[in-house]
Amino acid sequence: MSAVFDEAELFAVDMTVRQWQIIDATIDNEVDTEITNGDPGGVVSLGGSIRQAGWDQATDATRAWLPEGEVITITLSGRQWRLVVDALSRWAEVSDGIGNREECQLRRQVRAAVEGQVTLG
């Protein structure tokens, strides 16, 4: 079952800073791939907005990450969360394909944490 997001609605999701860092790194991979491929999916701007929202919500005044175990609330639009969930799934498969089981599991766990806090369809 996958998450169903209203594209315009905002969703607040609680997670640890470490979980957000996994999302941030995954979206960075997604954006870098799109840049290399000419951005056919129009992901570069959306991915940048996701990462910026995280930096705004998961860093201190000096832009340093908050402690990894600190629970934060990240608020993104449905469209942004959809890219996050899709990217986590895609990059979990990549990690699995190259034998990085730990990274694969982390991405799947973060995806499940996000999907557990939004409307499921």
Protein backbone atom coordinates (compact mmCIF):
# COMPACT_ATOMS: atom_id res chain seq x y z
CA MET A 1 0.00 0.00 0.00
CA SER A 2 1.41 3.41 -0.84
CA ALA A 3 0.71 6.86 0.45
CA VAL A 4 -1.89 8.99 -1.27
CA PHE A 5 -1.10 12.67 -1.12
CA ASP A 6 -3.22 15.67 -1.96
CA GLU A 7 -0.68 17.57 -4.06
CA ALA A 8 -1.42 20.97 -2.50
CA GLU A 9 -2.13 19.92 1.08
CA LEU A 10 0.63 20.30 3.65
CA PHE A 11 1.61 17.30 5.73
CA ALA A 12 3.61 17.53 8.95
CA VAL A 13 5.71 14.44 9.63
CA ASP A 14 7.60 13.76 12.85
CA MET A 15 10.99 12.11 12.53
CA THR A 16 14.48 12.22 13.91
CA VAL A 17 17.10 14.49 12.43
CA ARG A 18 18.92 11.32 11.31
CA GLN A 19 15.86 10.18 9.38
CA TRP A 20 15.70 13.59 7.71
CA GLN A 21 19.39 13.35 6.82
CA ILE A 22 18.63 10.10 5.00
CA ILE A 23 15.87 11.87 3.08
CA ASP A 24 18.17 14.81 2.34
CA ALA A 25 20.91 12.53 0.98
CA THR A 26 18.39 10.54 -1.08
CA ILE A 27 16.88 13.67 -2.61
CA ASP A 28 20.41 14.92 -3.33
CA ASN A 29 21.04 11.68 -5.27
CA GLU A 30 17.74 12.09 -7.11
CA VAL A 31 18.51 15.69 -8.08
CA ASP A 32 22.06 14.86 -9.18
CA THR A 33 20.76 12.07 -11.39
CA GLU A 34 18.15 14.35 -12.93
CA ILE A 35 20.76 17.05 -13.60
CA THR A 36 22.95 14.47 -15.36
CA ASN A 37 19.98 13.32 -17.45
CA GLY A 38 18.78 16.84 -18.32
CA ASP A 39 15.97 16.90 -15.72
CA PRO A 40 13.36 15.10 -17.85
CA GLY A 41 11.17 14.57 -14.80
CA GLY A 42 11.33 18.18 -13.65
CA VAL A 43 12.76 17.05 -10.34
CA VAL A 44 15.61 19.52 -9.82
CA SER A 45 13.53 22.45 -8.60
CA LEU A 46 11.17 20.29 -6.54
CA GLY A 47 14.06 18.40 -4.98
CA GLY A 48 15.80 21.67 -4.16
CA SER A 49 12.66 22.94 -2.44
CA ILE A 50 12.48 19.75 -0.34
CA ARG A 51 16.09 20.03 0.75
CA GLN A 52 15.67 23.74 1.54
CA ALA A 53 12.59 23.03 3.66
CA GLY A 54 14.59 20.46 5.61
CA TRP A 55 17.49 22.82 6.16
CA ASP A 56 15.02 25.42 7.39
CA GLN A 57 13.41 22.96 9.81
CA ALA A 58 16.26 20.64 10.88
CA THR A 59 19.19 22.97 11.43
CA ASP A 60 20.06 25.55 14.04
CA ALA A 61 20.69 29.27 13.49
CA THR A 62 24.20 28.54 12.18
CA ARG A 63 22.79 26.01 9.67
CA ALA A 64 24.36 23.08 11.53
CA TRP A 65 22.25 19.94 11.81
CA LEU A 66 20.43 19.53 15.10
CA PRO A 67 21.45 16.41 17.11
CA GLU A 68 20.70 13.22 15.13
CA GLY A 69 18.34 11.80 17.74
CA GLU A 70 16.27 14.96 18.12
CA VAL A 71 12.69 14.60 16.97
CA ILE A 72 11.65 17.28 14.51
CA THR A 73 8.56 17.98 12.48
CA ILE A 74 9.04 18.45 8.75
CA THR A 75 6.19 20.05 6.84
CA LEU A 76 6.06 19.58 3.08
CA SER A 77 3.37 19.61 0.43
CA GLY A 78 1.85 16.39 -0.84
CA ARG A 79 3.78 16.83 -4.07
CA GLN A 80 7.04 17.11 -2.16
CA TRP A 81 6.29 14.09 0.05
CA ARG A 82 5.38 12.06 -3.04
CA LEU A 83 8.86 12.71 -4.47
CA VAL A 84 10.42 11.82 -1.10
CA VAL A 85 8.57 8.48 -0.90
CA ASP A 86 9.25 7.63 -4.54
CA ALA A 87 12.94 8.54 -4.24
CA LEU A 88 13.36 6.53 -1.03
CA SER A 89 11.86 3.50 -2.79
CA ARG A 90 13.97 3.94 -5.90
CA TRP A 91 17.25 4.45 -4.03
CA ALA A 92 16.49 1.60 -1.63
CA GLU A 93 16.36 -0.65 -4.70
CA VAL A 94 19.65 0.79 -5.96
CA SER A 95 21.25 0.15 -2.56
CA ASP A 96 19.89 -3.38 -2.52
CA GLY A 97 21.14 -3.97 -6.05
CA ILE A 98 24.70 -3.09 -5.12
CA GLY A 99 24.58 -5.15 -1.95
CA ASN A 100 24.29 -2.29 0.54
CA ARG A 101 21.59 -3.91 2.67
CA GLU A 102 21.96 -1.48 5.59
CA GLU A 103 21.35 1.58 3.43
CA CYS A 104 18.47 -0.19 1.71
CA GLN A 105 16.83 -0.97 5.06
CA LEU A 106 17.34 2.57 6.37
CA ARG A 107 15.62 4.04 3.32
CA ARG A 108 12.75 1.59 3.59
CA GLN A 109 12.33 2.34 7.30
CA VAL A 110 12.24 6.10 6.68
CA ARG A 111 9.75 5.64 3.85
CA ALA A 112 7.53 3.57 6.17
CA ALA A 113 7.79 6.25 8.87
CA VAL A 114 6.63 8.91 6.41
CA GLU A 115 3.83 6.77 4.98
CA GLY A 116 2.67 5.94 8.49
CA GLN A 117 1.92 9.59 9.17
CA VAL A 118 -0.03 10.51 6.06
CA THR A 119 -3.33 9.39 4.59
CA LEU A 120 -2.98 5.92 3.14
CA GLY A 121 -5.03 4.77 0.21
